[in-house]
Amino acid sequence: MLQSCRINSVESPSSLPRYANLDDDSVDLTERIRSYLAVNCVSCHQPVGTGLGSWDARPEVSLLGTGIINGLAGKNGGNPDNRLIVPGNPDASILLSRLSGCCGFTRMPPLASSELDKEAVASITEWIGLLDDTQAYRSWRLENFGSDSSSKGDPSFDADIDQFFNYFEFLLESNPNEAGSSPFVQLNLSPKKASLIYESLAQRSIQLEISEDMINWKPWYQGSPIEHFNQEDVQYSKIEGPIELEDARTLFFRISVLWAP
């Protein structure tokens, strides 16, 4: 016996979330790129996914939260300056090399495709080229030096003579006219565990790397979620993970602060 049933529908299809096509110029380029990455990469690149990298392609995550901007990859092609996406530098952006299958990297995605997506390569190359800190630094320079063209505000100038160039002060969000104004950073070590506590910085990516010879660097343990907490109106972040200090082996730590749009 057939029975009728009622199917509820949304008020308007336009209210549903959608992915944007790469060739849809009416949509912001970043949204188009995020849509492409979600459709093609999210099945593996997300928490508990099978992707070996640490980035998150889910579209609901903020761009900074994806870990893709200046993010460390499991394999850097032999160059520690290579990152998943390096703003303004397509040649150093591993994700683009993966998509293109060039520079010694195997092509992604590895399944269900055999042809190079030239449109995606062109769009992502354009997007990376637009991701630079020029405007952000110019605003910071104007705020701290009252001019966006004086030599005192040049990125390579050390205005407060504290051995931190202005560009480093910009990355640290510290006062370039006041020595010793860098944000709080604390590294705690025990024989089996390390923790890094640092003052949270807007639009900055903080990464911890280790080395035995200060030449070959690799990312420290990335499997632990970052914990955030507030103390006296200041937000701090903490990441913790295992480490082995055996046979008096010497380990060097390096903290990188990178601008992330």
Protein backbone atom coordinates (compact mmCIF):
# COMPACT_ATOMS: atom_id res chain seq x y z
CA MET A 1 0.00 0.00 0.00
CA LEU A 2 1.42 3.37 -1.02
CA GLN A 3 1.38 6.17 1.49
CA SER A 4 1.98 9.84 0.84
CA CYS A 5 4.60 11.70 2.82
CA ARG A 6 5.66 15.31 3.12
CA ILE A 7 9.26 16.36 2.47
CA ASN A 8 10.39 19.54 4.19
CA SER A 9 12.44 21.91 2.07
CA VAL A 10 14.53 24.94 2.83
CA GLU A 11 13.08 28.36 2.19
CA SER A 12 15.48 29.10 -0.64
CA PRO A 13 18.27 27.10 -2.32
CA SER A 14 20.43 30.23 -2.16
CA SER A 15 20.53 29.89 1.63
CA LEU A 16 22.47 26.63 1.36
CA PRO A 17 26.27 26.65 1.53
CA ARG A 18 27.91 26.23 -1.85
CA TYR A 19 31.30 25.76 -3.43
CA ALA A 20 32.46 28.35 -5.95
CA ASN A 21 33.87 27.48 -9.36
CA LEU A 22 37.41 28.59 -10.12
CA ASP A 23 36.23 30.55 -13.16
CA ASP A 24 33.50 32.44 -11.30
CA ASP A 25 34.94 35.97 -11.22
CA SER A 26 31.97 37.21 -9.20
CA VAL A 27 33.36 35.33 -6.16
CA ASP A 28 36.45 36.38 -4.20
CA LEU A 29 39.56 34.49 -5.33
CA THR A 30 40.32 33.20 -1.83
CA GLU A 31 36.82 31.70 -1.58
CA ARG A 32 37.27 30.02 -4.96
CA ILE A 33 40.61 28.54 -3.90
CA ARG A 34 39.18 27.37 -0.57
CA SER A 35 36.31 25.72 -2.45
CA TYR A 36 38.71 23.94 -4.78
CA LEU A 37 40.84 22.66 -1.90
CA ALA A 38 37.76 21.49 -0.02
CA VAL A 39 36.38 19.55 -2.98
CA ASN A 40 39.70 17.98 -3.96
CA CYS A 41 41.65 17.64 -0.72
CA VAL A 42 39.36 17.49 2.30
CA SER A 43 38.77 13.74 2.11
CA CYS A 44 42.37 13.22 3.29
CA HIS A 45 43.48 16.56 4.71
CA GLN A 46 41.45 17.05 7.87
CA PRO A 47 41.73 15.84 11.48
CA VAL A 48 42.10 12.02 11.56
CA GLY A 49 42.32 12.05 7.76
CA THR A 50 44.81 9.87 5.89
CA GLY A 51 46.85 12.80 4.54
CA LEU A 52 50.39 12.89 5.90
CA GLY A 53 50.48 16.68 6.17
CA SER A 54 49.15 18.67 9.09
CA TRP A 55 46.84 21.08 7.27
CA ASP A 56 43.05 21.11 7.35
CA ALA A 57 41.14 21.62 4.08
CA ARG A 58 37.66 21.88 5.62
CA PRO A 59 35.95 25.03 4.29
CA GLU A 60 34.43 26.03 7.64
CA VAL A 61 37.91 26.49 9.17
CA SER A 62 39.46 29.96 8.96
CA LEU A 63 42.32 30.40 6.49
CA LEU A 64 44.79 30.82 9.36
CA GLY A 65 43.24 27.83 11.13
CA THR A 66 43.88 25.53 8.17
CA GLY A 67 47.59 25.60 8.93
CA ILE A 68 48.32 25.97 5.22
CA ILE A 69 49.80 29.48 5.30
CA ASN A 70 53.52 29.11 6.05
CA GLY A 71 52.70 25.63 7.32
CA LEU A 72 55.36 22.95 7.63
CA ALA A 73 55.07 19.88 5.44
CA GLY A 74 56.20 16.34 6.12
CA LYS A 75 58.61 16.66 3.18
CA ASN A 76 60.09 20.02 2.20
CA GLY A 77 61.93 18.97 -0.95
CA GLY A 78 65.30 19.48 0.69
CA ASN A 79 64.74 23.18 1.35
CA PRO A 80 63.70 24.18 4.91
CA ASP A 81 62.35 27.48 3.57
CA ASN A 82 59.68 25.67 1.57
CA ARG A 83 56.26 25.71 3.22
CA LEU A 84 52.78 24.56 2.24
CA ILE A 85 51.91 28.07 1.05
CA VAL A 86 54.48 30.87 1.19
CA PRO A 87 52.68 34.20 0.67
CA GLY A 88 54.03 35.95 -2.40
CA ASN A 89 56.31 33.05 -3.37
CA PRO A 90 54.74 30.32 -5.56
CA ASP A 91 58.14 28.66 -6.13
CA ALA A 92 58.53 27.91 -2.41
CA SER A 93 54.90 26.78 -1.97
CA ILE A 94 54.81 22.99 -1.64
CA LEU A 95 51.06 22.70 -2.21
CA LEU A 96 51.45 24.24 -5.66
CA SER A 97 54.39 21.93 -6.44
CA ARG A 98 52.25 18.99 -5.35
CA LEU A 99 49.37 20.09 -7.53
CA SER A 100 51.73 20.61 -10.48
CA GLY A 101 53.75 17.45 -9.88
CA CYS A 102 57.01 19.36 -10.18
CA CYS A 103 60.18 20.24 -8.23
CA GLY A 104 60.65 16.63 -7.14
CA PHE A 105 57.17 16.25 -5.61
CA THR A 106 54.61 13.64 -6.64
CA ARG A 107 51.36 15.04 -8.02
CA MET A 108 48.23 15.43 -5.92
CA PRO A 109 45.55 14.25 -5.68
CA PRO A 110 47.05 10.78 -6.12
CA LEU A 111 43.83 8.99 -7.10
CA ALA A 112 41.08 9.31 -9.71
CA SER A 113 42.99 11.80 -11.87
CA SER A 114 45.67 11.56 -14.50
CA GLU A 115 45.71 15.00 -16.11
CA LEU A 116 47.21 18.21 -14.80
CA ASP A 117 44.55 20.75 -13.78
CA LYS A 118 46.06 23.75 -15.55
CA GLU A 119 43.26 26.09 -14.50
CA ALA A 120 43.77 25.26 -10.83
CA VAL A 121 47.55 25.67 -11.13
CA ALA A 122 47.10 29.10 -12.72
CA SER A 123 44.51 30.24 -10.16
CA ILE A 124 46.48 29.07 -7.13
CA THR A 125 49.67 30.61 -8.53
CA GLU A 126 47.85 33.94 -8.89
CA TRP A 127 46.39 33.64 -5.37
CA ILE A 128 49.76 32.92 -3.76
CA GLY A 129 51.26 35.90 -5.57
CA LEU A 130 48.62 38.17 -4.04
CA LEU A 131 49.22 36.87 -0.51
CA ASP A 132 51.89 39.24 0.72
CA ASP A 133 52.38 41.41 3.76
CA THR A 134 53.08 44.66 1.91
CA GLN A 135 49.93 46.48 2.97
CA ALA A 136 50.05 45.09 6.52
CA TYR A 137 53.65 46.23 7.00
CA ARG A 138 52.92 49.64 5.49
CA SER A 139 50.09 50.23 7.99
CA TRP A 140 52.28 49.06 10.89
CA ARG A 141 55.11 51.29 9.73
CA LEU A 142 52.84 54.33 9.47
CA GLU A 143 51.43 53.67 12.95
CA ASN A 144 54.84 53.32 14.61
CA PHE A 145 56.92 55.85 12.69
CA GLY A 146 54.35 58.38 11.47
CA SER A 147 55.46 57.82 7.89
CA ASP A 148 55.41 54.99 5.39
CA SER A 149 58.52 56.17 3.57
CA SER A 150 61.12 57.35 6.14
CA SER A 151 64.35 55.35 6.32
CA LYS A 152 63.85 54.78 10.05
CA GLY A 153 60.86 52.58 9.21
CA ASP A 154 62.66 50.46 6.61
CA PRO A 155 62.20 46.70 7.21
CA SER A 156 65.96 46.18 7.67
CA PHE A 157 66.45 49.10 10.08
CA ASP A 158 66.83 48.50 13.83
CA ALA A 159 65.14 51.60 15.26
CA ASP A 160 65.54 50.75 18.97
CA ILE A 161 68.97 49.05 18.59
CA ASP A 162 67.85 45.78 20.19
CA GLN A 163 69.20 43.51 17.41
CA PHE A 164 65.69 43.01 16.01
CA PHE A 165 65.14 44.55 12.59
CA ASN A 166 61.86 46.40 12.06
CA TYR A 167 60.43 43.51 10.05
CA PHE A 168 61.00 41.13 12.95
CA GLU A 169 59.34 43.66 15.26
CA PHE A 170 56.41 43.70 12.83
CA LEU A 171 56.14 39.92 12.94
CA LEU A 172 56.34 39.94 16.75
CA GLU A 173 53.86 42.85 17.01
CA SER A 174 56.38 44.51 19.34
CA ASN A 175 57.20 48.20 19.67
CA PRO A 176 60.06 49.02 17.25
CA ASN A 177 60.89 52.13 19.28
CA GLU A 178 61.21 50.36 22.62
CA ALA A 179 63.94 47.78 23.23
CA GLY A 180 62.85 44.60 25.01
CA SER A 181 59.20 44.82 24.05
CA SER A 182 59.02 41.39 22.40
CA PRO A 183 56.07 39.12 23.31
CA PHE A 184 56.34 36.45 25.98
CA VAL A 185 57.73 33.05 24.92
CA GLN A 186 58.59 30.19 27.28
CA LEU A 187 59.97 26.75 26.41
CA ASN A 188 59.80 24.08 29.12
CA LEU A 189 61.77 20.83 28.78
CA SER A 190 61.83 17.55 30.64
CA PRO A 191 63.48 14.24 29.61
CA LYS A 192 60.31 13.08 27.84
CA LYS A 193 58.17 16.14 27.22
CA ALA A 194 58.42 19.67 25.91
CA SER A 195 55.91 22.50 26.00
CA LEU A 196 55.93 25.88 24.31
CA ILE A 197 53.89 28.75 25.76
CA TYR A 198 53.70 31.99 23.83
CA GLU A 199 51.68 35.14 23.63
CA SER A 200 49.10 34.76 20.87
CA LEU A 201 49.69 36.99 17.86
CA ALA A 202 47.00 37.94 15.36
CA GLN A 203 47.62 36.72 11.81
CA ARG A 204 50.88 35.08 12.78
CA SER A 205 51.90 31.45 12.52
CA ILE A 206 54.15 30.10 15.31
CA GLN A 207 56.16 26.96 14.59
CA LEU A 208 58.70 25.05 16.62
CA GLU A 209 61.50 23.14 14.91
CA ILE A 210 64.32 20.98 16.27
CA SER A 211 67.80 20.13 15.05
CA GLU A 212 70.85 18.19 16.22
CA ASP A 213 73.35 20.28 14.27
CA MET A 214 71.64 23.67 13.68
CA ILE A 215 71.78 22.92 9.94
CA ASN A 216 69.10 20.31 9.33
CA TRP A 217 65.81 21.39 10.89
CA LYS A 218 62.56 19.47 11.12
CA PRO A 219 59.17 20.30 12.60
CA TRP A 220 58.63 19.32 16.18
CA TYR A 221 55.73 17.07 17.18
CA GLN A 222 52.53 18.40 15.56
CA GLY A 223 49.97 15.92 16.81
CA SER A 224 48.89 17.92 19.85
CA PRO A 225 46.13 20.53 19.57
CA ILE A 226 47.03 24.07 20.55
CA GLU A 227 45.56 25.12 23.88
CA HIS A 228 44.50 28.76 24.31
CA PHE A 229 43.99 30.54 27.63
CA ASN A 230 43.70 34.10 28.94
CA GLN A 231 45.64 35.67 31.77
CA GLU A 232 45.31 39.32 32.77
CA ASP A 233 43.61 40.26 29.47
CA VAL A 234 46.38 38.63 27.43
CA GLN A 235 45.74 35.50 25.36
CA TYR A 236 48.37 32.78 25.40
CA SER A 237 48.78 29.59 23.39
CA LYS A 238 50.38 26.34 24.50
CA ILE A 239 51.49 23.30 22.55
CA GLU A 240 52.86 20.19 24.24
CA GLY A 241 54.32 16.93 23.01
CA PRO A 242 56.83 14.12 23.56
CA ILE A 243 60.56 14.44 23.14
CA GLU A 244 63.53 12.15 23.76
CA LEU A 245 66.73 13.35 25.40
CA GLU A 246 68.91 10.25 25.52
CA ASP A 247 72.65 9.72 25.92
CA ALA A 248 73.23 13.43 26.55
CA ARG A 249 72.18 14.09 22.96
CA THR A 250 72.07 17.81 22.20
CA LEU A 251 68.95 19.24 20.62
CA PHE A 252 68.50 22.78 19.36
CA PHE A 253 65.12 24.49 19.20
CA ARG A 254 64.07 27.19 16.79
CA ILE A 255 60.85 29.17 16.98
CA SER A 256 59.63 30.67 13.71
CA VAL A 257 57.14 33.53 13.57
CA LEU A 258 55.59 33.96 10.14
CA TRP A 259 53.02 36.37 8.83
CA ALA A 260 49.79 34.69 7.77
CA PRO A 261 47.05 36.57 5.88
